[in-house]
Amino acid sequence: MRLLKDISVNEAHALLDETAILVDVREPNETASERIPGAIELPLSVLARGGPANLPDGPTIFLCASGARTTRNSAALAALTDNDAYCMTGGIMAWKRAGYPTQRG
């Protein structure tokens, strides 16, 4: 079973400057209030119902609010891509603490 590799927000930010994609697994009510610009929204509830992922090719960084949901669902999320897959440690809360931009959903 493949799992996500942990990645810091600074490492994630650097990868995003290259070819990585960012996937936010929070629910719509969460992303409506705040999100990371350019992140693909793919709620865990959609995946639980068997919804398609249809992710672009490239290294994939998954995030949630704190990193807990992403870590709990590591195997299922890693299975969505054949590329390198990461869990952004600390989620969007750590992203904001590091001073990186967010926007209203």
PDB file of N, CA and C in Angstrom:
ATOM      1  N   MET A   1       0.840  -1.181   0.000  1.00  0.00           N
ATOM      2  CA  MET A   1       0.000   0.000   0.000  1.00  0.00           C
ATOM      3  C   MET A   1       0.885   1.245   0.000  1.00  0.00           C
ATOM      4  N   ARG A   2       0.633   2.110  -0.938  1.00  0.00           N
ATOM      5  CA  ARG A   2       1.384   3.354  -1.055  1.00  0.00           C
ATOM      6  C   ARG A   2       0.731   4.429  -0.194  1.00  0.00           C
ATOM      7  N   LEU A   3       1.539   5.243   0.482  1.00  0.00           N
ATOM      8  CA  LEU A   3       1.044   6.339   1.309  1.00  0.00           C
ATOM      9  C   LEU A   3       1.623   7.652   0.810  1.00  0.00           C
ATOM     10  N   LEU A   4       1.004   8.743   1.237  1.00  0.00           N
ATOM     11  CA  LEU A   4       1.531  10.064   0.907  1.00  0.00           C
ATOM     12  C   LEU A   4       2.809  10.317   1.679  1.00  0.00           C
ATOM     13  N   LYS A   5       3.726  11.045   1.072  1.00  0.00           N
ATOM     14  CA  LYS A   5       4.940  11.479   1.764  1.00  0.00           C
ATOM     15  C   LYS A   5       4.651  12.846   2.376  1.00  0.00           C
ATOM     16  N   ASP A   6       5.130  13.079   3.591  1.00  0.00           N
ATOM     17  CA  ASP A   6       4.955  14.390   4.217  1.00  0.00           C
ATOM     18  C   ASP A   6       5.848  15.414   3.535  1.00  0.00           C
ATOM     19  N   ILE A   7       5.315  16.633   3.399  1.00  0.00           N
ATOM     20  CA  ILE A   7       6.066  17.733   2.806  1.00  0.00           C
ATOM     21  C   ILE A   7       5.725  19.006   3.586  1.00  0.00           C
ATOM     22  N   SER A   8       6.719  19.820   3.862  1.00  0.00           N
ATOM     23  CA  SER A   8       6.480  21.074   4.583  1.00  0.00           C
ATOM     24  C   SER A   8       5.831  22.093   3.645  1.00  0.00           C
ATOM     25  N   VAL A   9       5.259  23.144   4.220  1.00  0.00           N
ATOM     26  CA  VAL A   9       4.655  24.178   3.375  1.00  0.00           C
ATOM     27  C   VAL A   9       5.708  24.856   2.498  1.00  0.00           C
ATOM     28  N   ASN A  10       6.900  25.044   3.017  1.00  0.00           N
ATOM     29  CA  ASN A  10       7.953  25.671   2.208  1.00  0.00           C
ATOM     30  C   ASN A  10       8.366  24.776   1.046  1.00  0.00           C
ATOM     31  N   GLU A  11       8.477  23.470   1.307  1.00  0.00           N
ATOM     32  CA  GLU A  11       8.799  22.530   0.225  1.00  0.00           C
ATOM     33  C   GLU A  11       7.659  22.485  -0.792  1.00  0.00           C
ATOM     34  N   ALA A  12       6.419  22.500  -0.292  1.00  0.00           N
ATOM     35  CA  ALA A  12       5.254  22.489  -1.184  1.00  0.00           C
ATOM     36  C   ALA A  12       5.246  23.733  -2.063  1.00  0.00           C
ATOM     37  N   HIS A  13       5.483  24.873  -1.464  1.00  0.00           N
ATOM     38  CA  HIS A  13       5.496  26.132  -2.221  1.00  0.00           C
ATOM     39  C   HIS A  13       6.555  26.083  -3.323  1.00  0.00           C
ATOM     40  N   ALA A  14       7.722  25.554  -3.013  1.00  0.00           N
ATOM     41  CA  ALA A  14       8.790  25.439  -4.012  1.00  0.00           C
ATOM     42  C   ALA A  14       8.379  24.502  -5.148  1.00  0.00           C
ATOM     43  N   LEU A  15       7.733  23.373  -4.824  1.00  0.00           N
ATOM     44  CA  LEU A  15       7.283  22.440  -5.865  1.00  0.00           C
ATOM     45  C   LEU A  15       6.209  23.064  -6.744  1.00  0.00           C
ATOM     46  N   LEU A  16       5.357  23.906  -6.147  1.00  0.00           N
ATOM     47  CA  LEU A  16       4.300  24.551  -6.925  1.00  0.00           C
ATOM     48  C   LEU A  16       4.873  25.518  -7.947  1.00  0.00           C
ATOM     49  N   ASP A  17       6.046  26.039  -7.671  1.00  0.00           N
ATOM     50  CA  ASP A  17       6.706  26.919  -8.639  1.00  0.00           C
ATOM     51  C   ASP A  17       7.223  26.125  -9.835  1.00  0.00           C
ATOM     52  N   GLU A  18       7.224  24.805  -9.718  1.00  0.00           N
ATOM     53  CA  GLU A  18       7.673  23.936 -10.810  1.00  0.00           C
ATOM     54  C   GLU A  18       6.443  23.335 -11.486  1.00  0.00           C
ATOM     55  N   THR A  19       6.224  22.038 -11.324  1.00  0.00           N
ATOM     56  CA  THR A  19       5.133  21.381 -12.050  1.00  0.00           C
ATOM     57  C   THR A  19       4.070  20.764 -11.157  1.00  0.00           C
ATOM     58  N   ALA A  20       4.172  20.915  -9.858  1.00  0.00           N
ATOM     59  CA  ALA A  20       3.245  20.245  -8.941  1.00  0.00           C
ATOM     60  C   ALA A  20       1.853  20.863  -8.993  1.00  0.00           C
ATOM     61  N   ILE A  21       0.868  20.039  -8.629  1.00  0.00           N
ATOM     62  CA  ILE A  21      -0.499  20.526  -8.480  1.00  0.00           C
ATOM     63  C   ILE A  21      -0.889  20.400  -7.016  1.00  0.00           C
ATOM     64  N   LEU A  22      -1.762  21.290  -6.579  1.00  0.00           N
ATOM     65  CA  LEU A  22      -2.215  21.336  -5.199  1.00  0.00           C
ATOM     66  C   LEU A  22      -3.681  20.938  -5.173  1.00  0.00           C
ATOM     67  N   VAL A  23      -4.028  19.960  -4.327  1.00  0.00           N
ATOM     68  CA  VAL A  23      -5.397  19.458  -4.250  1.00  0.00           C
ATOM     69  C   VAL A  23      -5.911  19.642  -2.826  1.00  0.00           C
ATOM     70  N   ASP A  24      -6.975  20.418  -2.686  1.00  0.00           N
ATOM     71  CA  ASP A  24      -7.593  20.711  -1.396  1.00  0.00           C
ATOM     72  C   ASP A  24      -8.741  19.730  -1.178  1.00  0.00           C
ATOM     73  N   VAL A  25      -8.651  18.889  -0.147  1.00  0.00           N
ATOM     74  CA  VAL A  25      -9.667  17.864   0.100  1.00  0.00           C
ATOM     75  C   VAL A  25     -10.717  18.308   1.121  1.00  0.00           C
ATOM     76  N   ARG A  26     -10.687  19.587   1.508  1.00  0.00           N
ATOM     77  CA  ARG A  26     -11.691  20.084   2.445  1.00  0.00           C
ATOM     78  C   ARG A  26     -13.057  20.170   1.761  1.00  0.00           C
ATOM     79  N   GLU A  27     -14.095  20.302   2.562  1.00  0.00           N
ATOM     80  CA  GLU A  27     -15.462  20.371   2.054  1.00  0.00           C
ATOM     81  C   GLU A  27     -15.767  21.781   1.529  1.00  0.00           C
ATOM     82  N   PRO A  28     -16.777  21.903   0.648  1.00  0.00           N
ATOM     83  CA  PRO A  28     -17.095  23.200   0.046  1.00  0.00           C
ATOM     84  C   PRO A  28     -17.349  24.328   1.049  1.00  0.00           C
ATOM     85  N   ASN A  29     -17.971  24.028   2.181  1.00  0.00           N
ATOM     86  CA  ASN A  29     -18.212  25.085   3.170  1.00  0.00           C
ATOM     87  C   ASN A  29     -16.902  25.617   3.748  1.00  0.00           C
ATOM     88  N   GLU A  30     -15.854  24.807   3.740  1.00  0.00           N
ATOM     89  CA  GLU A  30     -14.546  25.245   4.227  1.00  0.00           C
ATOM     90  C   GLU A  30     -13.803  26.062   3.167  1.00  0.00           C
ATOM     91  N   THR A  31     -13.808  25.578   1.943  1.00  0.00           N
ATOM     92  CA  THR A  31     -13.082  26.289   0.886  1.00  0.00           C
ATOM     93  C   THR A  31     -13.786  27.581   0.489  1.00  0.00           C
ATOM     94  N   ALA A  32     -15.086  27.697   0.787  1.00  0.00           N
ATOM     95  CA  ALA A  32     -15.819  28.926   0.476  1.00  0.00           C
ATOM     96  C   ALA A  32     -15.296  30.104   1.286  1.00  0.00           C
ATOM     97  N   SER A  33     -14.830  29.830   2.496  1.00  0.00           N
ATOM     98  CA  SER A  33     -14.355  30.928   3.339  1.00  0.00           C
ATOM     99  C   SER A  33     -12.894  31.280   3.064  1.00  0.00           C
ATOM    100  N   GLU A  34     -12.098  30.286   2.670  1.00  0.00           N
ATOM    101  CA  GLU A  34     -10.684  30.556   2.396  1.00  0.00           C
ATOM    102  C   GLU A  34     -10.066  29.377   1.662  1.00  0.00           C
ATOM    103  N   ARG A  35      -9.243  29.704   0.679  1.00  0.00           N
ATOM    104  CA  ARG A  35      -8.579  28.660  -0.106  1.00  0.00           C
ATOM    105  C   ARG A  35      -7.229  29.173  -0.578  1.00  0.00           C
ATOM    106  N   ILE A  36      -6.417  28.255  -1.072  1.00  0.00           N
ATOM    107  CA  ILE A  36      -5.124  28.625  -1.645  1.00  0.00           C
ATOM    108  C   ILE A  36      -5.335  28.843  -3.145  1.00  0.00           C
ATOM    109  N   PRO A  37      -4.924  29.998  -3.668  1.00  0.00           N
ATOM    110  CA  PRO A  37      -5.112  30.271  -5.095  1.00  0.00           C
ATOM    111  C   PRO A  37      -4.514  29.160  -5.967  1.00  0.00           C
ATOM    112  N   GLY A  38      -5.293  28.716  -6.940  1.00  0.00           N
ATOM    113  CA  GLY A  38      -4.829  27.703  -7.878  1.00  0.00           C
ATOM    114  C   GLY A  38      -5.039  26.267  -7.435  1.00  0.00           C
ATOM    115  N   ALA A  39      -5.473  26.062  -6.188  1.00  0.00           N
ATOM    116  CA  ALA A  39      -5.689  24.697  -5.701  1.00  0.00           C
ATOM    117  C   ALA A  39      -6.925  24.091  -6.364  1.00  0.00           C
ATOM    118  N   ILE A  40      -6.830  22.813  -6.686  1.00  0.00           N
ATOM    119  CA  ILE A  40      -7.971  22.060  -7.201  1.00  0.00           C
ATOM    120  C   ILE A  40      -8.783  21.601  -5.998  1.00  0.00           C
ATOM    121  N   GLU A  41     -10.091  21.812  -6.033  1.00  0.00           N
ATOM    122  CA  GLU A  41     -10.944  21.384  -4.929  1.00  0.00           C
ATOM    123  C   GLU A  41     -11.495  19.995  -5.221  1.00  0.00           C
ATOM    124  N   LEU A  42     -11.207  19.052  -4.334  1.00  0.00           N
ATOM    125  CA  LEU A  42     -11.661  17.675  -4.469  1.00  0.00           C
ATOM    126  C   LEU A  42     -12.030  17.163  -3.078  1.00  0.00           C
ATOM    127  N   PRO A  43     -13.251  17.484  -2.615  1.00  0.00           N
ATOM    128  CA  PRO A  43     -13.650  17.118  -1.252  1.00  0.00           C
ATOM    129  C   PRO A  43     -13.606  15.610  -1.008  1.00  0.00           C
ATOM    130  N   LEU A  44     -13.199  15.244   0.187  1.00  0.00           N
ATOM    131  CA  LEU A  44     -13.170  13.830   0.561  1.00  0.00           C
ATOM    132  C   LEU A  44     -14.548  13.198   0.440  1.00  0.00           C
ATOM    133  N   SER A  45     -15.612  13.959   0.686  1.00  0.00           N
ATOM    134  CA  SER A  45     -16.967  13.410   0.587  1.00  0.00           C
ATOM    135  C   SER A  45     -17.284  12.972  -0.839  1.00  0.00           C
ATOM    136  N   VAL A  46     -16.767  13.668  -1.830  1.00  0.00           N
ATOM    137  CA  VAL A  46     -16.967  13.286  -3.231  1.00  0.00           C
ATOM    138  C   VAL A  46     -16.224  11.984  -3.517  1.00  0.00           C
ATOM    139  N   LEU A  47     -15.010  11.882  -3.026  1.00  0.00           N
ATOM    140  CA  LEU A  47     -14.230  10.655  -3.223  1.00  0.00           C
ATOM    141  C   LEU A  47     -14.879   9.474  -2.521  1.00  0.00           C
ATOM    142  N   ALA A  48     -15.452   9.709  -1.337  1.00  0.00           N
ATOM    143  CA  ALA A  48     -16.101   8.630  -0.582  1.00  0.00           C
ATOM    144  C   ALA A  48     -17.303   8.075  -1.336  1.00  0.00           C
ATOM    145  N   ARG A  49     -17.949   8.912  -2.140  1.00  0.00           N
ATOM    146  CA  ARG A  49     -19.100   8.461  -2.939  1.00  0.00           C
ATOM    147  C   ARG A  49     -18.656   7.877  -4.274  1.00  0.00           C
ATOM    148  N   GLY A  50     -17.361   7.761  -4.474  1.00  0.00           N
ATOM    149  CA  GLY A  50     -16.853   7.180  -5.714  1.00  0.00           C
ATOM    150  C   GLY A  50     -16.720   8.175  -6.847  1.00  0.00           C
ATOM    151  N   GLY A  51     -16.750   9.458  -6.518  1.00  0.00           N
ATOM    152  CA  GLY A  51     -16.611  10.494  -7.540  1.00  0.00           C
ATOM    153  C   GLY A  51     -15.239  10.442  -8.189  1.00  0.00           C
ATOM    154  N   PRO A  52     -15.159  10.834  -9.460  1.00  0.00           N
ATOM    155  CA  PRO A  52     -13.878  10.781 -10.164  1.00  0.00           C
ATOM    156  C   PRO A  52     -12.910  11.853  -9.681  1.00  0.00           C
ATOM    157  N   ALA A  53     -11.650  11.539  -9.750  1.00  0.00           N
ATOM    158  CA  ALA A  53     -10.621  12.495  -9.355  1.00  0.00           C
ATOM    159  C   ALA A  53     -10.195  13.345 -10.553  1.00  0.00           C
ATOM    160  N   ASN A  54      -9.920  12.716 -11.694  1.00  0.00           N
ATOM    161  CA  ASN A  54      -9.500  13.424 -12.910  1.00  0.00           C
ATOM    162  C   ASN A  54      -8.409  14.458 -12.645  1.00  0.00           C
ATOM    163  N   LEU A  55      -7.365  14.047 -11.977  1.00  0.00           N
ATOM    164  CA  LEU A  55      -6.284  14.973 -11.639  1.00  0.00           C
ATOM    165  C   LEU A  55      -5.312  15.130 -12.804  1.00  0.00           C
ATOM    166  N   PRO A  56      -4.797  16.342 -12.999  1.00  0.00           N
ATOM    167  CA  PRO A  56      -3.766  16.541 -14.021  1.00  0.00           C
ATOM    168  C   PRO A  56      -2.507  15.745 -13.680  1.00  0.00           C
ATOM    169  N   ASP A  57      -1.677  15.544 -14.673  1.00  0.00           N
ATOM    170  CA  ASP A  57      -0.432  14.816 -14.475  1.00  0.00           C
ATOM    171  C   ASP A  57       0.587  15.712 -13.771  1.00  0.00           C
ATOM    172  N   GLY A  58       1.356  15.121 -12.888  1.00  0.00           N
ATOM    173  CA  GLY A  58       2.413  15.853 -12.199  1.00  0.00           C
ATOM    174  C   GLY A  58       2.427  15.531 -10.719  1.00  0.00           C
ATOM    175  N   PRO A  59       3.491  15.902 -10.027  1.00  0.00           N
ATOM    176  CA  PRO A  59       3.545  15.693  -8.582  1.00  0.00           C
ATOM    177  C   PRO A  59       2.311  16.324  -7.942  1.00  0.00           C
ATOM    178  N   THR A  60       1.710  15.626  -6.987  1.00  0.00           N
ATOM    179  CA  THR A  60       0.444  16.058  -6.404  1.00  0.00           C
ATOM    180  C   THR A  60       0.595  16.273  -4.910  1.00  0.00           C
ATOM    181  N   ILE A  61       0.196  17.459  -4.455  1.00  0.00           N
ATOM    182  CA  ILE A  61       0.269  17.812  -3.038  1.00  0.00           C
ATOM    183  C   ILE A  61      -1.156  17.948  -2.520  1.00  0.00           C
ATOM    184  N   PHE A  62      -1.514  17.118  -1.544  1.00  0.00           N
ATOM    185  CA  PHE A  62      -2.846  17.158  -0.954  1.00  0.00           C
ATOM    186  C   PHE A  62      -2.812  17.966   0.333  1.00  0.00           C
ATOM    187  N   LEU A  63      -3.903  18.691   0.602  1.00  0.00           N
ATOM    188  CA  LEU A  63      -3.986  19.453   1.840  1.00  0.00           C
ATOM    189  C   LEU A  63      -5.407  19.462   2.370  1.00  0.00           C
ATOM    190  N   CYS A  64      -5.522  19.712   3.665  1.00  0.00           N
ATOM    191  CA  CYS A  64      -6.802  19.942   4.323  1.00  0.00           C
ATOM    192  C   CYS A  64      -6.586  21.122   5.268  1.00  0.00           C
ATOM    193  N   ALA A  65      -7.369  21.229   6.323  1.00  0.00           N
ATOM    194  CA  ALA A  65      -7.221  22.359   7.245  1.00  0.00           C
ATOM    195  C   ALA A  65      -5.920  22.267   8.038  1.00  0.00           C
ATOM    196  N   SER A  66      -5.664  21.084   8.632  1.00  0.00           N
ATOM    197  CA  SER A  66      -4.500  20.941   9.519  1.00  0.00           C
ATOM    198  C   SER A  66      -3.540  19.833   9.106  1.00  0.00           C
ATOM    199  N   GLY A  67      -3.928  19.031   8.139  1.00  0.00           N
ATOM    200  CA  GLY A  67      -3.130  17.881   7.729  1.00  0.00           C
ATOM    201  C   GLY A  67      -3.662  16.570   8.273  1.00  0.00           C
ATOM    202  N   ALA A  68      -4.580  16.633   9.246  1.00  0.00           N
ATOM    203  CA  ALA A  68      -5.084  15.410   9.886  1.00  0.00           C
ATOM    204  C   ALA A  68      -5.918  14.555   8.935  1.00  0.00           C
ATOM    205  N   ARG A  69      -6.872  15.148   8.232  1.00  0.00           N
ATOM    206  CA  ARG A  69      -7.709  14.372   7.305  1.00  0.00           C
ATOM    207  C   ARG A  69      -6.887  13.806   6.161  1.00  0.00           C
ATOM    208  N   THR A  70      -5.948  14.590   5.676  1.00  0.00           N
ATOM    209  CA  THR A  70      -5.097  14.122   4.586  1.00  0.00           C
ATOM    210  C   THR A  70      -4.276  12.923   5.042  1.00  0.00           C
ATOM    211  N   THR A  71      -3.733  12.994   6.244  1.00  0.00           N
ATOM    212  CA  THR A  71      -2.947  11.882   6.784  1.00  0.00           C
ATOM    213  C   THR A  71      -3.820  10.647   6.986  1.00  0.00           C
ATOM    214  N   ARG A  72      -5.031  10.831   7.548  1.00  0.00           N
ATOM    215  CA  ARG A  72      -5.940   9.694   7.785  1.00  0.00           C
ATOM    216  C   ARG A  72      -6.326   8.996   6.487  1.00  0.00           C
ATOM    217  N   ASN A  73      -6.395   9.730   5.401  1.00  0.00           N
ATOM    218  CA  ASN A  73      -6.824   9.184   4.113  1.00  0.00           C
ATOM    219  C   ASN A  73      -5.663   9.013   3.141  1.00  0.00           C
ATOM    220  N   SER A  74      -4.469   8.874   3.674  1.00  0.00           N
ATOM    221  CA  SER A  74      -3.238   8.838   2.891  1.00  0.00           C
ATOM    222  C   SER A  74      -3.260   7.791   1.780  1.00  0.00           C
ATOM    223  N   ALA A  75      -3.641   6.575   2.090  1.00  0.00           N
ATOM    224  CA  ALA A  75      -3.609   5.503   1.087  1.00  0.00           C
ATOM    225  C   ALA A  75      -4.595   5.773  -0.041  1.00  0.00           C
ATOM    226  N   ALA A  76      -5.810   6.198   0.296  1.00  0.00           N
ATOM    227  CA  ALA A  76      -6.824   6.471  -0.729  1.00  0.00           C
ATOM    228  C   ALA A  76      -6.401   7.631  -1.620  1.00  0.00           C
ATOM    229  N   LEU A  77      -5.816   8.658  -1.032  1.00  0.00           N
ATOM    230  CA  LEU A  77      -5.382   9.813  -1.821  1.00  0.00           C
ATOM    231  C   LEU A  77      -4.182   9.468  -2.702  1.00  0.00           C
ATOM    232  N   ALA A  78      -3.238   8.716  -2.167  1.00  0.00           N
ATOM    233  CA  ALA A  78      -2.063   8.320  -2.953  1.00  0.00           C
ATOM    234  C   ALA A  78      -2.473   7.482  -4.164  1.00  0.00           C
ATOM    235  N   ALA A  79      -3.563   6.723  -4.027  1.00  0.00           N
ATOM    236  CA  ALA A  79      -4.030   5.866  -5.118  1.00  0.00           C
ATOM    237  C   ALA A  79      -4.642   6.662  -6.278  1.00  0.00           C
ATOM    238  N   LEU A  80      -4.896   7.956  -6.073  1.00  0.00           N
ATOM    239  CA  LEU A  80      -5.512   8.773  -7.119  1.00  0.00           C
ATOM    240  C   LEU A  80      -4.540   9.189  -8.214  1.00  0.00           C
ATOM    241  N   THR A  81      -3.256   9.003  -7.978  1.00  0.00           N
ATOM    242  CA  THR A  81      -2.260   9.442  -8.953  1.00  0.00           C
ATOM    243  C   THR A  81      -1.114   8.439  -9.035  1.00  0.00           C
ATOM    244  N   ASP A  82      -0.528   8.334 -10.196  1.00  0.00           N
ATOM    245  CA  ASP A  82       0.661   7.498 -10.366  1.00  0.00           C
ATOM    246  C   ASP A  82       1.933   8.303 -10.128  1.00  0.00           C
ATOM    247  N   ASN A  83       1.778   9.599  -9.918  1.00  0.00           N
ATOM    248  CA  ASN A  83       2.918  10.492  -9.710  1.00  0.00           C
ATOM    249  C   ASN A  83       3.286  10.551  -8.231  1.00  0.00           C
ATOM    250  N   ASP A  84       4.377  11.245  -7.932  1.00  0.00           N
ATOM    251  CA  ASP A  84       4.726  11.479  -6.534  1.00  0.00           C
ATOM    252  C   ASP A  84       3.558  12.186  -5.867  1.00  0.00           C
ATOM    253  N   ALA A  85       3.213  11.756  -4.647  1.00  0.00           N
ATOM    254  CA  ALA A  85       2.068  12.320  -3.936  1.00  0.00           C
ATOM    255  C   ALA A  85       2.480  12.671  -2.513  1.00  0.00           C
ATOM    256  N   TYR A  86       2.043  13.847  -2.069  1.00  0.00           N
ATOM    257  CA  TYR A  86       2.483  14.386  -0.785  1.00  0.00           C
ATOM    258  C   TYR A  86       1.306  14.856   0.061  1.00  0.00           C
ATOM    259  N   CYS A  87       1.524  14.868   1.372  1.00  0.00           N
ATOM    260  CA  CYS A  87       0.619  15.472   2.342  1.00  0.00           C
ATOM    261  C   CYS A  87       1.302  16.731   2.856  1.00  0.00           C
ATOM    262  N   MET A  88       0.654  17.889   2.667  1.00  0.00           N
ATOM    263  CA  MET A  88       1.238  19.134   3.149  1.00  0.00           C
ATOM    264  C   MET A  88       1.016  19.226   4.661  1.00  0.00           C
ATOM    265  N   THR A  89       2.097  19.072   5.411  1.00  0.00           N
ATOM    266  CA  THR A  89       2.051  19.069   6.868  1.00  0.00           C
ATOM    267  C   THR A  89       1.481  20.388   7.384  1.00  0.00           C
ATOM    268  N   GLY A  90       0.483  20.286   8.243  1.00  0.00           N
ATOM    269  CA  GLY A  90      -0.111  21.478   8.843  1.00  0.00           C
ATOM    270  C   GLY A  90      -1.229  22.098   8.034  1.00  0.00           C
ATOM    271  N   GLY A  91      -1.443  21.617   6.804  1.00  0.00           N
ATOM    272  CA  GLY A  91      -2.542  22.087   5.973  1.00  0.00           C
ATOM    273  C   GLY A  91      -2.535  23.584   5.711  1.00  0.00           C
ATOM    274  N   ILE A  92      -3.736  24.114   5.453  1.00  0.00           N
ATOM    275  CA  ILE A  92      -3.849  25.529   5.117  1.00  0.00           C
ATOM    276  C   ILE A  92      -3.477  26.413   6.305  1.00  0.00           C
ATOM    277  N   MET A  93      -3.643  25.902   7.522  1.00  0.00           N
ATOM    278  CA  MET A  93      -3.257  26.699   8.696  1.00  0.00           C
ATOM    279  C   MET A  93      -1.753  26.968   8.689  1.00  0.00           C
ATOM    280  N   ALA A  94      -0.949  25.961   8.382  1.00  0.00           N
ATOM    281  CA  ALA A  94       0.507  26.145   8.310  1.00  0.00           C
ATOM    282  C   ALA A  94       0.878  27.029   7.122  1.00  0.00           C
ATOM    283  N   TRP A  95       0.155  26.889   6.017  1.00  0.00           N
ATOM    284  CA  TRP A  95       0.380  27.716   4.830  1.00  0.00           C
ATOM    285  C   TRP A  95       0.231  29.198   5.197  1.00  0.00           C
ATOM    286  N   LYS A  96      -0.846  29.517   5.930  1.00  0.00           N
ATOM    287  CA  LYS A  96      -1.083  30.913   6.338  1.00  0.00           C
ATOM    288  C   LYS A  96      -0.018  31.386   7.322  1.00  0.00           C
ATOM    289  N   ARG A  97       0.352  30.527   8.285  1.00  0.00           N
ATOM    290  CA  ARG A  97       1.393  30.902   9.254  1.00  0.00           C
ATOM    291  C   ARG A  97       2.713  31.219   8.561  1.00  0.00           C
ATOM    292  N   ALA A  98       2.977  30.541   7.451  1.00  0.00           N
ATOM    293  CA  ALA A  98       4.218  30.775   6.702  1.00  0.00           C
ATOM    294  C   ALA A  98       4.145  32.058   5.868  1.00  0.00           C
ATOM    295  N   GLY A  99       2.969  32.683   5.825  1.00  0.00           N
ATOM    296  CA  GLY A  99       2.824  33.943   5.103  1.00  0.00           C
ATOM    297  C   GLY A  99       2.472  33.811   3.635  1.00  0.00           C
ATOM    298  N   TYR A 100       2.097  32.603   3.201  1.00  0.00           N
ATOM    299  CA  TYR A 100       1.725  32.414   1.802  1.00  0.00           C
ATOM    300  C   TYR A 100       0.283  32.867   1.578  1.00  0.00           C
ATOM    301  N   PRO A 101      -0.061  33.243   0.343  1.00  0.00           N
ATOM    302  CA  PRO A 101      -1.368  33.856   0.088  1.00  0.00           C
ATOM    303  C   PRO A 101      -2.535  32.872   0.129  1.00  0.00           C
ATOM    304  N   THR A 102      -3.676  33.406   0.543  1.00  0.00           N
ATOM    305  CA  THR A 102      -4.951  32.705   0.457  1.00  0.00           C
ATOM    306  C   THR A 102      -5.956  33.686  -0.137  1.00  0.00           C
ATOM    307  N   GLN A 103      -7.109  33.151  -0.502  1.00  0.00           N
ATOM    308  CA  GLN A 103      -8.169  34.009  -1.029  1.00  0.00           C
ATOM    309  C   GLN A 103      -9.511  33.474  -0.563  1.00  0.00           C
ATOM    310  N   ARG A 104     -10.528  34.316  -0.637  1.00  0.00           N
ATOM    311  CA  ARG A 104     -11.885  33.853  -0.337  1.00  0.00           C
ATOM    312  C   ARG A 104     -12.324  32.951  -1.472  1.00  0.00           C
ATOM    313  N   GLY A 105     -13.033  31.863  -1.116  1.00  0.00           N
ATOM    314  CA  GLY A 105     -13.480  30.886  -2.102  1.00  0.00           C
ATOM    315  C   GLY A 105     -14.340  31.475  -3.151  1.00  0.00           C
TER     316      GLY A 105
END
